[in-house]
Amino acid sequence: MSAQTVLDGICRYFGGPYDPDTRTYRSPPVVGVGVVRRAWAKEDNHQDYFLGMDPGARTGCQIVVWIPRRSEARFTVAGPHGGMKNVRYDIELACYLRSRTPHAEDAQDDVYALQDGLVEWMRQDRTLGGACFEAGEAVDGGQGSIDFEYGQPETKAGLTKSFFLMSFTALEIVQA
């Protein structure tokens, strides 16, 4: 598979079908996610964070999926003329949150709830809907972790903005 195919598959797994008009994935299965993108938007549309949610939803998220690093390693199977390659894609989900909660503590709770929801969804299918051989696993060259980094929330004019980065490896095995 190409990097674009893997990226599109992961975006579809976390964001639903692709909408060519908006260049986004607009039917995320994880509660609290409004839209998934495969690149950063030129303009930040506040409504995208809450797309498809009830009008009273207090916290919404926009996710940008990208591949900051890719590597290939050949391993032989059946002698010098047969072989396979492990193609490792380092995947990052940049999760931007907007919260209208009256208390910053509630917004922070929503950050952790969304993190838990994304991990639970990822555990449903190690292939992420067929996007790769496996993701977040330690078999056949995959890195066996799902990692999170958090940004410091900022509150201004009743809106709390938060950020976290979800990282994992997606592995593809190809004939070499």
N, C-alpha and C. Protein backbone atom coordinates (compact mmCIF):
# COMPACT_ATOMS: atom_id res chain seq x y z
N MET A 1 0.84 -1.19 0.00
CA MET A 1 0.00 0.00 0.00
C MET A 1 0.88 1.24 0.00
N SER A 2 0.35 2.30 -0.52
CA SER A 2 1.06 3.58 -0.49
C SER A 2 0.77 4.29 0.83
N ALA A 3 1.59 5.28 1.14
CA ALA A 3 1.37 6.08 2.35
C ALA A 3 0.01 6.76 2.30
N GLN A 4 -0.39 7.22 1.11
CA GLN A 4 -1.69 7.88 0.98
C GLN A 4 -2.83 6.91 1.26
N THR A 5 -2.69 5.66 0.84
CA THR A 5 -3.73 4.66 1.08
C THR A 5 -3.84 4.35 2.57
N VAL A 6 -2.69 4.20 3.23
CA VAL A 6 -2.69 3.95 4.68
C VAL A 6 -3.31 5.14 5.41
N LEU A 7 -2.90 6.36 5.05
CA LEU A 7 -3.43 7.55 5.70
C LEU A 7 -4.94 7.66 5.50
N ASP A 8 -5.41 7.46 4.28
CA ASP A 8 -6.84 7.53 4.01
C ASP A 8 -7.59 6.46 4.81
N GLY A 9 -7.04 5.25 4.88
CA GLY A 9 -7.69 4.17 5.63
C GLY A 9 -7.80 4.49 7.12
N ILE A 10 -6.74 5.07 7.68
CA ILE A 10 -6.77 5.42 9.11
C ILE A 10 -7.77 6.56 9.34
N CYS A 11 -7.80 7.53 8.43
CA CYS A 11 -8.77 8.62 8.54
C CYS A 11 -10.20 8.09 8.46
N ARG A 12 -10.44 7.12 7.58
CA ARG A 12 -11.76 6.53 7.46
C ARG A 12 -12.13 5.75 8.73
N TYR A 13 -11.14 5.08 9.32
CA TYR A 13 -11.43 4.31 10.53
C TYR A 13 -11.86 5.23 11.68
N PHE A 14 -11.16 6.35 11.82
CA PHE A 14 -11.47 7.28 12.91
C PHE A 14 -12.52 8.33 12.54
N GLY A 15 -12.76 8.53 11.22
CA GLY A 15 -13.63 9.63 10.81
C GLY A 15 -14.82 9.28 9.95
N GLY A 16 -14.93 8.02 9.50
CA GLY A 16 -16.03 7.65 8.62
C GLY A 16 -15.72 7.93 7.16
N PRO A 17 -16.72 7.90 6.31
CA PRO A 17 -16.50 8.08 4.87
C PRO A 17 -15.91 9.46 4.53
N TYR A 18 -15.17 9.49 3.45
CA TYR A 18 -14.54 10.73 2.97
C TYR A 18 -15.56 11.59 2.24
N ASP A 19 -15.54 12.88 2.53
CA ASP A 19 -16.38 13.85 1.84
C ASP A 19 -15.49 14.69 0.92
N PRO A 20 -15.55 14.43 -0.39
CA PRO A 20 -14.64 15.13 -1.31
C PRO A 20 -14.88 16.64 -1.38
N ASP A 21 -16.07 17.11 -1.10
CA ASP A 21 -16.35 18.54 -1.16
C ASP A 21 -15.61 19.32 -0.07
N THR A 22 -15.54 18.74 1.14
CA THR A 22 -14.88 19.43 2.25
C THR A 22 -13.47 18.89 2.52
N ARG A 23 -13.12 17.79 1.83
CA ARG A 23 -11.82 17.11 2.02
C ARG A 23 -11.65 16.63 3.45
N THR A 24 -12.76 16.18 4.06
CA THR A 24 -12.74 15.71 5.45
C THR A 24 -13.52 14.41 5.58
N TYR A 25 -13.42 13.83 6.75
CA TYR A 25 -14.16 12.63 7.13
C TYR A 25 -15.12 13.09 8.22
N ARG A 26 -16.43 13.04 7.95
CA ARG A 26 -17.41 13.76 8.74
C ARG A 26 -18.40 12.89 9.52
N SER A 27 -18.11 11.62 9.69
CA SER A 27 -19.01 10.75 10.46
C SER A 27 -18.22 9.91 11.46
N PRO A 28 -17.48 10.54 12.35
CA PRO A 28 -16.64 9.79 13.29
C PRO A 28 -17.45 8.88 14.21
N PRO A 29 -16.95 7.67 14.47
CA PRO A 29 -17.65 6.75 15.36
C PRO A 29 -17.39 7.03 16.85
N VAL A 30 -16.38 7.82 17.17
CA VAL A 30 -16.04 8.09 18.56
C VAL A 30 -16.77 9.35 19.02
N VAL A 31 -17.50 9.23 20.11
CA VAL A 31 -18.27 10.35 20.66
C VAL A 31 -17.33 11.50 21.02
N GLY A 32 -17.68 12.69 20.59
CA GLY A 32 -16.90 13.87 20.90
C GLY A 32 -16.03 14.37 19.75
N VAL A 33 -15.94 13.58 18.68
CA VAL A 33 -15.16 13.99 17.51
C VAL A 33 -16.12 14.52 16.45
N GLY A 34 -15.87 15.75 15.99
CA GLY A 34 -16.72 16.34 14.97
C GLY A 34 -16.25 16.03 13.56
N VAL A 35 -14.94 16.13 13.34
CA VAL A 35 -14.41 15.94 11.99
C VAL A 35 -12.97 15.42 12.09
N VAL A 36 -12.58 14.62 11.09
CA VAL A 36 -11.22 14.13 10.97
C VAL A 36 -10.67 14.64 9.65
N ARG A 37 -9.42 15.08 9.68
CA ARG A 37 -8.75 15.61 8.48
C ARG A 37 -7.45 14.86 8.25
N ARG A 38 -6.97 14.87 6.98
CA ARG A 38 -5.66 14.28 6.68
C ARG A 38 -4.62 15.37 6.40
N ALA A 39 -4.98 16.61 6.66
CA ALA A 39 -4.06 17.75 6.58
C ALA A 39 -4.66 18.89 7.41
N TRP A 40 -3.82 19.84 7.79
CA TRP A 40 -4.31 20.97 8.56
C TRP A 40 -5.11 21.89 7.66
N ALA A 41 -6.23 22.36 8.17
CA ALA A 41 -7.12 23.23 7.40
C ALA A 41 -6.50 24.61 7.22
N LYS A 42 -6.82 25.23 6.10
CA LYS A 42 -6.35 26.61 5.88
C LYS A 42 -7.09 27.58 6.77
N GLU A 43 -8.35 27.26 7.09
CA GLU A 43 -9.15 28.08 7.99
C GLU A 43 -9.74 27.20 9.07
N ASP A 44 -9.72 27.68 10.30
CA ASP A 44 -10.24 26.92 11.44
C ASP A 44 -11.72 27.24 11.62
N ASN A 45 -12.58 26.30 11.27
CA ASN A 45 -14.02 26.48 11.37
C ASN A 45 -14.49 25.90 12.71
N HIS A 46 -14.92 26.76 13.61
CA HIS A 46 -15.35 26.33 14.94
C HIS A 46 -16.45 25.28 14.87
N GLN A 47 -17.33 25.36 13.89
CA GLN A 47 -18.45 24.41 13.77
C GLN A 47 -17.97 22.99 13.52
N ASP A 48 -16.80 22.82 12.88
CA ASP A 48 -16.29 21.47 12.60
C ASP A 48 -16.02 20.68 13.87
N TYR A 49 -15.68 21.36 14.95
CA TYR A 49 -15.41 20.67 16.22
C TYR A 49 -16.66 19.98 16.77
N PHE A 50 -17.82 20.52 16.43
CA PHE A 50 -19.10 20.04 16.98
C PHE A 50 -20.00 19.42 15.91
N LEU A 51 -19.47 19.15 14.74
CA LEU A 51 -20.25 18.63 13.63
C LEU A 51 -20.96 17.32 14.00
N GLY A 52 -22.26 17.26 13.76
CA GLY A 52 -23.03 16.05 14.02
C GLY A 52 -23.41 15.83 15.47
N MET A 53 -23.04 16.73 16.34
CA MET A 53 -23.35 16.58 17.77
C MET A 53 -24.62 17.33 18.11
N ASP A 54 -25.22 16.98 19.24
CA ASP A 54 -26.38 17.71 19.73
C ASP A 54 -26.01 19.17 19.94
N PRO A 55 -26.96 20.10 19.72
CA PRO A 55 -26.65 21.53 19.87
C PRO A 55 -26.09 21.90 21.25
N GLY A 56 -26.41 21.14 22.27
CA GLY A 56 -25.92 21.44 23.62
C GLY A 56 -24.61 20.77 23.97
N ALA A 57 -23.95 20.11 23.01
CA ALA A 57 -22.69 19.43 23.31
C ALA A 57 -21.69 20.42 23.90
N ARG A 58 -21.05 20.01 24.98
CA ARG A 58 -20.17 20.96 25.66
C ARG A 58 -18.74 20.95 25.14
N THR A 59 -18.29 19.82 24.58
CA THR A 59 -16.92 19.72 24.09
C THR A 59 -16.90 19.01 22.75
N GLY A 60 -16.12 19.53 21.82
CA GLY A 60 -15.97 18.92 20.51
C GLY A 60 -14.52 18.88 20.10
N CYS A 61 -14.21 18.04 19.11
CA CYS A 61 -12.83 17.82 18.71
C CYS A 61 -12.70 17.75 17.20
N GLN A 62 -11.58 18.23 16.72
CA GLN A 62 -11.17 18.09 15.34
C GLN A 62 -9.83 17.35 15.36
N ILE A 63 -9.71 16.29 14.58
CA ILE A 63 -8.49 15.49 14.56
C ILE A 63 -7.81 15.62 13.20
N VAL A 64 -6.50 15.85 13.24
CA VAL A 64 -5.68 15.82 12.03
C VAL A 64 -4.77 14.60 12.13
N VAL A 65 -4.88 13.70 11.15
CA VAL A 65 -4.06 12.48 11.11
C VAL A 65 -2.92 12.73 10.14
N TRP A 66 -1.70 12.40 10.54
CA TRP A 66 -0.58 12.54 9.62
C TRP A 66 0.50 11.51 9.90
N ILE A 67 1.40 11.34 8.93
CA ILE A 67 2.50 10.38 9.02
C ILE A 67 3.80 11.18 9.04
N PRO A 68 4.39 11.40 10.23
CA PRO A 68 5.64 12.17 10.27
C PRO A 68 6.88 11.36 9.90
N ARG A 69 6.76 10.00 9.89
CA ARG A 69 7.93 9.17 9.63
C ARG A 69 7.49 7.83 9.07
N ARG A 70 8.27 7.32 8.13
CA ARG A 70 8.03 6.00 7.53
C ARG A 70 9.38 5.32 7.38
N SER A 71 9.42 4.00 7.64
CA SER A 71 10.65 3.24 7.44
C SER A 71 10.32 1.86 6.90
N GLU A 72 11.28 1.28 6.16
CA GLU A 72 11.11 -0.06 5.61
C GLU A 72 12.30 -0.92 6.03
N ALA A 73 12.04 -2.17 6.35
CA ALA A 73 13.10 -3.13 6.69
C ALA A 73 12.75 -4.47 6.04
N ARG A 74 13.69 -5.01 5.26
CA ARG A 74 13.48 -6.28 4.56
C ARG A 74 13.85 -7.43 5.48
N PHE A 75 13.07 -8.49 5.40
CA PHE A 75 13.44 -9.74 6.07
C PHE A 75 13.20 -10.87 5.08
N THR A 76 14.09 -11.86 5.12
CA THR A 76 14.00 -12.94 4.14
C THR A 76 13.07 -14.03 4.61
N VAL A 77 12.42 -14.61 3.63
CA VAL A 77 11.57 -15.76 3.84
C VAL A 77 11.92 -16.72 2.71
N ALA A 78 12.36 -17.91 2.99
CA ALA A 78 12.69 -18.93 1.98
C ALA A 78 13.93 -18.56 1.18
N GLY A 79 14.99 -18.10 1.82
CA GLY A 79 16.26 -17.90 1.14
C GLY A 79 16.47 -16.51 0.58
N PRO A 80 17.54 -16.37 -0.24
CA PRO A 80 17.95 -15.05 -0.70
C PRO A 80 17.03 -14.41 -1.74
N HIS A 81 16.12 -15.18 -2.35
CA HIS A 81 15.29 -14.61 -3.41
C HIS A 81 13.85 -14.33 -2.99
N GLY A 82 13.50 -14.76 -1.84
CA GLY A 82 12.14 -14.49 -1.34
C GLY A 82 12.25 -13.58 -0.15
N GLY A 83 11.29 -12.76 0.02
CA GLY A 83 11.35 -11.90 1.20
C GLY A 83 10.14 -11.01 1.33
N MET A 84 10.11 -10.35 2.42
CA MET A 84 9.04 -9.43 2.74
C MET A 84 9.67 -8.16 3.32
N LYS A 85 8.88 -7.11 3.37
CA LYS A 85 9.32 -5.88 4.02
C LYS A 85 8.28 -5.47 5.05
N ASN A 86 8.80 -5.09 6.19
CA ASN A 86 7.97 -4.42 7.19
C ASN A 86 8.03 -2.93 6.86
N VAL A 87 6.89 -2.36 6.58
CA VAL A 87 6.82 -0.92 6.35
C VAL A 87 6.13 -0.33 7.58
N ARG A 88 6.90 0.46 8.32
CA ARG A 88 6.38 1.06 9.56
C ARG A 88 6.02 2.51 9.31
N TYR A 89 4.80 2.86 9.64
CA TYR A 89 4.33 4.24 9.56
C TYR A 89 4.13 4.75 10.98
N ASP A 90 4.86 5.79 11.35
CA ASP A 90 4.59 6.44 12.62
C ASP A 90 3.37 7.34 12.39
N ILE A 91 2.32 7.09 13.12
CA ILE A 91 1.05 7.81 12.95
C ILE A 91 0.85 8.75 14.13
N GLU A 92 0.40 9.96 13.82
CA GLU A 92 0.04 10.90 14.87
C GLU A 92 -1.34 11.45 14.61
N LEU A 93 -2.17 11.42 15.64
CA LEU A 93 -3.48 12.05 15.62
C LEU A 93 -3.37 13.31 16.47
N ALA A 94 -3.37 14.46 15.81
CA ALA A 94 -3.34 15.75 16.51
C ALA A 94 -4.79 16.10 16.84
N CYS A 95 -5.13 16.07 18.11
CA CYS A 95 -6.52 16.24 18.56
C CYS A 95 -6.69 17.62 19.19
N TYR A 96 -7.46 18.46 18.52
CA TYR A 96 -7.73 19.82 18.96
C TYR A 96 -9.14 19.87 19.53
N LEU A 97 -9.28 20.31 20.77
CA LEU A 97 -10.57 20.34 21.44
C LEU A 97 -11.00 21.76 21.75
N ARG A 98 -12.31 21.97 21.69
CA ARG A 98 -12.94 23.22 22.09
C ARG A 98 -14.04 22.85 23.07
N SER A 99 -14.06 23.53 24.22
CA SER A 99 -15.04 23.20 25.24
C SER A 99 -15.75 24.45 25.74
N ARG A 100 -17.07 24.33 25.84
CA ARG A 100 -17.90 25.44 26.33
C ARG A 100 -18.33 25.20 27.78
N THR A 101 -17.63 24.31 28.47
CA THR A 101 -17.99 24.02 29.86
C THR A 101 -17.73 25.22 30.75
N PRO A 102 -18.53 25.39 31.79
CA PRO A 102 -18.30 26.53 32.69
C PRO A 102 -17.03 26.37 33.54
N HIS A 103 -16.54 25.14 33.67
CA HIS A 103 -15.36 24.88 34.51
C HIS A 103 -14.27 24.19 33.69
N ALA A 104 -13.05 24.67 33.84
CA ALA A 104 -11.92 24.09 33.12
C ALA A 104 -11.69 22.63 33.51
N GLU A 105 -12.03 22.29 34.74
CA GLU A 105 -11.85 20.90 35.19
C GLU A 105 -12.73 19.95 34.38
N ASP A 106 -13.94 20.39 34.05
CA ASP A 106 -14.84 19.56 33.24
C ASP A 106 -14.29 19.41 31.82
N ALA A 107 -13.71 20.47 31.29
CA ALA A 107 -13.09 20.39 29.97
C ALA A 107 -11.94 19.38 29.98
N GLN A 108 -11.15 19.40 31.06
CA GLN A 108 -10.03 18.45 31.16
C GLN A 108 -10.56 17.02 31.27
N ASP A 109 -11.64 16.82 32.00
CA ASP A 109 -12.25 15.49 32.07
C ASP A 109 -12.67 15.02 30.68
N ASP A 110 -13.18 15.94 29.86
CA ASP A 110 -13.60 15.58 28.49
C ASP A 110 -12.41 15.18 27.63
N VAL A 111 -11.25 15.80 27.88
CA VAL A 111 -10.02 15.42 27.16
C VAL A 111 -9.69 13.96 27.45
N TYR A 112 -9.70 13.58 28.71
CA TYR A 112 -9.38 12.20 29.08
C TYR A 112 -10.45 11.22 28.59
N ALA A 113 -11.70 11.63 28.61
CA ALA A 113 -12.78 10.76 28.11
C ALA A 113 -12.61 10.52 26.61
N LEU A 114 -12.23 11.55 25.87
CA LEU A 114 -12.01 11.38 24.43
C LEU A 114 -10.82 10.47 24.18
N GLN A 115 -9.75 10.66 24.94
CA GLN A 115 -8.59 9.77 24.82
C GLN A 115 -9.02 8.32 25.03
N ASP A 116 -9.77 8.06 26.07
CA ASP A 116 -10.23 6.69 26.36
C ASP A 116 -11.10 6.16 25.22
N GLY A 117 -11.96 7.01 24.67
CA GLY A 117 -12.81 6.59 23.55
C GLY A 117 -12.01 6.22 22.32
N LEU A 118 -10.98 7.00 22.00
CA LEU A 118 -10.13 6.70 20.84
C LEU A 118 -9.37 5.39 21.02
N VAL A 119 -8.84 5.16 22.22
CA VAL A 119 -8.13 3.91 22.48
C VAL A 119 -9.09 2.73 22.40
N GLU A 120 -10.25 2.86 22.98
CA GLU A 120 -11.24 1.78 22.93
C GLU A 120 -11.63 1.47 21.49
N TRP A 121 -11.82 2.50 20.67
CA TRP A 121 -12.17 2.29 19.26
C TRP A 121 -11.01 1.60 18.54
N MET A 122 -9.79 2.00 18.84
CA MET A 122 -8.63 1.38 18.21
C MET A 122 -8.52 -0.10 18.58
N ARG A 123 -8.87 -0.44 19.79
CA ARG A 123 -8.82 -1.84 20.25
C ARG A 123 -9.84 -2.73 19.55
N GLN A 124 -10.85 -2.14 18.92
CA GLN A 124 -11.87 -2.92 18.24
C GLN A 124 -11.33 -3.67 17.03
N ASP A 125 -10.27 -3.14 16.39
CA ASP A 125 -9.75 -3.74 15.17
C ASP A 125 -8.29 -3.35 15.00
N ARG A 126 -7.38 -4.30 15.20
CA ARG A 126 -5.95 -3.98 15.12
C ARG A 126 -5.51 -3.58 13.73
N THR A 127 -6.34 -3.85 12.69
CA THR A 127 -6.01 -3.44 11.31
C THR A 127 -6.59 -2.07 10.97
N LEU A 128 -7.30 -1.47 11.89
CA LEU A 128 -7.98 -0.18 11.68
C LEU A 128 -8.82 -0.21 10.41
N GLY A 129 -9.66 -1.22 10.34
CA GLY A 129 -10.57 -1.34 9.19
C GLY A 129 -9.88 -1.77 7.91
N GLY A 130 -8.72 -2.42 8.02
CA GLY A 130 -7.98 -2.87 6.84
C GLY A 130 -6.98 -1.84 6.34
N ALA A 131 -6.77 -0.76 7.09
CA ALA A 131 -5.82 0.27 6.67
C ALA A 131 -4.38 -0.20 6.74
N CYS A 132 -4.11 -1.22 7.58
CA CYS A 132 -2.75 -1.71 7.76
C CYS A 132 -2.82 -3.16 8.27
N PHE A 133 -1.67 -3.79 8.41
CA PHE A 133 -1.61 -5.14 8.95
C PHE A 133 -1.97 -5.12 10.44
N GLU A 134 -1.40 -4.14 11.15
CA GLU A 134 -1.70 -3.97 12.56
C GLU A 134 -1.26 -2.59 13.01
N ALA A 135 -1.87 -2.09 14.06
CA ALA A 135 -1.52 -0.79 14.60
C ALA A 135 -1.45 -0.86 16.12
N GLY A 136 -0.43 -0.25 16.69
CA GLY A 136 -0.26 -0.22 18.14
C GLY A 136 0.07 -1.57 18.74
N GLU A 137 0.59 -2.48 17.92
CA GLU A 137 0.93 -3.83 18.37
C GLU A 137 2.44 -4.04 18.31
N ALA A 138 2.94 -5.03 19.02
CA ALA A 138 4.38 -5.29 19.05
C ALA A 138 4.75 -6.57 18.31
N VAL A 139 3.98 -6.97 17.32
CA VAL A 139 4.25 -8.19 16.56
C VAL A 139 4.87 -7.82 15.22
N ASP A 140 5.86 -8.59 14.76
CA ASP A 140 6.48 -8.41 13.44
C ASP A 140 6.96 -7.00 13.17
N GLY A 141 7.62 -6.40 14.12
CA GLY A 141 8.23 -5.09 13.89
C GLY A 141 7.39 -3.90 14.29
N GLY A 142 6.18 -4.13 14.73
CA GLY A 142 5.35 -3.01 15.17
C GLY A 142 5.76 -2.52 16.54
N GLN A 143 5.61 -1.24 16.78
CA GLN A 143 5.88 -0.68 18.10
C GLN A 143 4.64 -0.90 18.94
N GLY A 144 4.78 -1.54 20.06
CA GLY A 144 3.62 -1.96 20.85
C GLY A 144 3.10 -0.95 21.83
N SER A 145 2.94 0.29 21.41
CA SER A 145 2.39 1.26 22.36
C SER A 145 1.50 2.26 21.64
N ILE A 146 0.63 2.83 22.43
CA ILE A 146 -0.18 3.97 22.01
C ILE A 146 0.18 5.06 23.01
N ASP A 147 0.77 6.14 22.53
CA ASP A 147 1.30 7.16 23.42
C ASP A 147 0.50 8.46 23.31
N PHE A 148 0.48 9.21 24.40
CA PHE A 148 -0.22 10.49 24.44
C PHE A 148 0.69 11.57 25.01
N GLU A 149 0.60 12.75 24.42
CA GLU A 149 1.23 13.95 24.95
C GLU A 149 0.14 15.01 25.02
N TYR A 150 0.21 15.83 26.05
CA TYR A 150 -0.85 16.82 26.28
C TYR A 150 -0.30 18.23 26.25
N GLY A 151 -1.09 19.13 25.69
CA GLY A 151 -0.78 20.54 25.74
C GLY A 151 -1.51 21.18 26.91
N GLN A 152 -1.05 22.34 27.32
CA GLN A 152 -1.71 23.04 28.42
C GLN A 152 -2.96 23.73 27.90
N PRO A 153 -4.11 23.48 28.54
CA PRO A 153 -5.35 24.13 28.11
C PRO A 153 -5.28 25.65 28.29
N GLU A 154 -6.06 26.34 27.48
CA GLU A 154 -6.15 27.80 27.56
C GLU A 154 -7.62 28.17 27.57
N THR A 155 -8.01 29.02 28.51
CA THR A 155 -9.40 29.47 28.59
C THR A 155 -9.45 30.97 28.35
N LYS A 156 -10.37 31.34 27.43
CA LYS A 156 -10.54 32.75 27.09
C LYS A 156 -11.97 32.96 26.62
N ALA A 157 -12.63 33.96 27.14
CA ALA A 157 -14.00 34.31 26.75
C ALA A 157 -14.96 33.12 26.85
N GLY A 158 -14.80 32.31 27.90
CA GLY A 158 -15.71 31.20 28.15
C GLY A 158 -15.45 29.96 27.31
N LEU A 159 -14.38 29.94 26.52
CA LEU A 159 -14.05 28.79 25.68
C LEU A 159 -12.70 28.23 26.12
N THR A 160 -12.67 26.95 26.42
CA THR A 160 -11.41 26.30 26.77
C THR A 160 -10.90 25.54 25.55
N LYS A 161 -9.67 25.82 25.17
CA LYS A 161 -9.03 25.12 24.06
C LYS A 161 -7.99 24.17 24.64
N SER A 162 -8.01 22.94 24.14
CA SER A 162 -7.08 21.91 24.60
C SER A 162 -6.49 21.20 23.40
N PHE A 163 -5.41 20.47 23.67
CA PHE A 163 -4.75 19.71 22.62
C PHE A 163 -4.12 18.46 23.21
N PHE A 164 -4.20 17.35 22.48
CA PHE A 164 -3.36 16.21 22.81
C PHE A 164 -2.95 15.51 21.53
N LEU A 165 -1.82 14.82 21.60
CA LEU A 165 -1.27 14.09 20.48
C LEU A 165 -1.30 12.60 20.80
N MET A 166 -1.95 11.83 19.94
CA MET A 166 -2.01 10.37 20.08
C MET A 166 -1.08 9.78 19.03
N SER A 167 -0.10 8.97 19.46
CA SER A 167 0.89 8.40 18.55
C SER A 167 0.92 6.88 18.65
N PHE A 168 1.08 6.24 17.49
CA PHE A 168 1.24 4.79 17.44
C PHE A 168 1.89 4.43 16.11
N THR A 169 2.30 3.18 15.98
CA THR A 169 2.88 2.69 14.74
C THR A 169 1.85 1.83 14.03
N ALA A 170 1.73 2.05 12.72
CA ALA A 170 0.92 1.19 11.86
C ALA A 170 1.90 0.40 11.01
N LEU A 171 1.73 -0.89 10.94
CA LEU A 171 2.65 -1.77 10.22
C LEU A 171 1.97 -2.36 8.99
N GLU A 172 2.67 -2.32 7.89
CA GLU A 172 2.22 -2.98 6.66
C GLU A 172 3.31 -3.97 6.28
N ILE A 173 2.95 -5.16 5.84
CA ILE A 173 3.91 -6.16 5.38
C ILE A 173 3.69 -6.35 3.88
N VAL A 174 4.76 -6.14 3.11
CA VAL A 174 4.66 -6.22 1.66
C VAL A 174 5.67 -7.23 1.10
N GLN A 175 5.36 -7.81 -0.04
CA GLN A 175 6.27 -8.70 -0.76
C GLN A 175 7.46 -7.88 -1.24
N ALA A 176 8.68 -8.38 -1.02
CA ALA A 176 9.87 -7.61 -1.43
C ALA A 176 10.68 -8.37 -2.46
